[in-house]
Amino acid sequence: MRPSGCVGYVLQFGDWSIYHSGDTVRYDGMAEKLQEFKIDVALLPINGRAAERRIPGNLFGNEAALLAKDIGGEVGKYRAISRCSN
């Protein structure tokens, strides 16, 4: 079941499909729904869940990697931006 009040976006440009999940955790049927779009790029939040830090919930790294695999993708290189400067 999909959590109520949650939204993610699939943007399609010609042959390309980009999925931006927004804040998310995996739910039953999520991968199957996304497989229909043949996602080329998936933007998934990786900061886990921790009630003590008042983080209601996102994916842990292993969950994001498994979701990417399950929707037919490959895990690519990524780099977090820790600080922006001019």
Protein backbone atom coordinates (compact mmCIF):
# COMPACT_ATOMS: atom_id res chain seq x y z
CA MET A 1 0.00 0.00 0.00
CA ARG A 2 1.28 3.46 -0.87
CA PRO A 3 1.54 5.84 2.08
CA SER A 4 -1.14 8.52 1.82
CA GLY A 5 -0.07 12.10 1.23
CA CYS A 6 3.15 11.06 -0.52
CA VAL A 7 4.11 11.95 -4.04
CA GLY A 8 6.94 11.14 -6.42
CA TYR A 9 7.44 12.30 -10.00
CA VAL A 10 8.36 10.56 -13.24
CA LEU A 11 9.50 13.03 -15.89
CA GLN A 12 9.63 11.79 -19.45
CA PHE A 13 11.63 13.49 -22.21
CA GLY A 14 11.58 11.60 -25.49
CA ASP A 15 13.04 8.17 -24.70
CA TRP A 16 14.26 9.20 -21.23
CA SER A 17 12.46 8.70 -17.91
CA ILE A 18 13.66 10.32 -14.69
CA TYR A 19 12.16 9.39 -11.34
CA HIS A 20 12.38 11.83 -8.43
CA SER A 21 10.96 10.12 -5.38
CA GLY A 22 11.02 12.98 -2.92
CA ASP A 23 11.08 11.75 0.68
CA THR A 24 10.18 8.08 0.53
CA VAL A 25 10.33 4.62 1.96
CA ARG A 26 9.63 1.52 -0.10
CA TYR A 27 6.05 0.26 -0.13
CA ASP A 28 4.47 -2.88 -1.54
CA GLY A 29 4.17 -2.65 -5.31
CA MET A 30 6.48 0.37 -5.66
CA ALA A 31 9.10 -1.34 -7.84
CA GLU A 32 6.44 -2.88 -10.07
CA LYS A 33 4.81 0.51 -10.66
CA LEU A 34 8.16 2.07 -11.54
CA GLN A 35 9.16 -0.77 -13.89
CA GLU A 36 6.32 0.34 -16.18
CA PHE A 37 8.18 3.61 -16.86
CA LYS A 38 11.56 2.02 -17.73
CA ILE A 39 13.39 4.50 -15.50
CA ASP A 40 16.76 5.74 -16.80
CA VAL A 41 17.66 7.89 -13.79
CA ALA A 42 16.27 7.54 -10.26
CA LEU A 43 16.89 10.22 -7.64
CA LEU A 44 16.41 8.51 -4.27
CA PRO A 45 16.93 9.97 -0.78
CA ILE A 46 19.49 8.12 1.32
CA ASN A 47 19.44 9.25 4.93
CA GLY A 48 17.53 6.46 6.65
CA ARG A 49 15.02 6.72 9.42
CA ALA A 50 15.71 7.83 12.98
CA ALA A 51 12.92 8.91 15.31
CA GLU A 52 15.43 10.35 17.79
CA ARG A 53 16.68 12.76 15.08
CA ARG A 54 13.09 13.59 14.06
CA ILE A 55 13.61 12.08 10.62
CA PRO A 56 10.30 10.42 9.77
CA GLY A 57 11.72 8.20 7.11
CA ASN A 58 13.71 7.79 3.95
CA LEU A 59 15.67 4.96 2.42
CA PHE A 60 18.87 3.53 3.83
CA GLY A 61 21.65 3.07 1.25
CA ASN A 62 21.08 -0.66 0.88
CA GLU A 63 17.33 -0.10 0.41
CA ALA A 64 17.93 2.50 -2.31
CA ALA A 65 20.38 0.18 -4.09
CA LEU A 66 17.89 -2.70 -3.97
CA LEU A 67 15.07 -0.49 -5.26
CA ALA A 68 17.28 0.71 -8.12
CA LYS A 69 18.08 -2.92 -8.99
CA ASP A 70 14.44 -3.98 -8.72
CA ILE A 71 13.27 -1.28 -11.15
CA GLY A 72 15.84 -2.45 -13.67
CA GLY A 73 18.58 0.03 -13.02
CA GLU A 74 22.20 0.03 -12.05
CA VAL A 75 23.65 1.86 -9.10
CA GLY A 76 25.89 4.62 -10.42
CA LYS A 77 28.53 6.73 -8.79
CA TYR A 78 27.31 9.55 -6.64
CA ARG A 79 28.82 12.33 -4.62
CA ALA A 80 27.11 14.21 -1.85
CA ILE A 81 27.50 17.96 -1.65
CA SER A 82 28.41 18.78 1.91
CA ARG A 83 28.93 22.52 1.53
CA CYS A 84 28.34 25.09 -1.15
CA SER A 85 30.61 28.08 -1.52
CA ASN A 86 31.04 30.92 -3.96
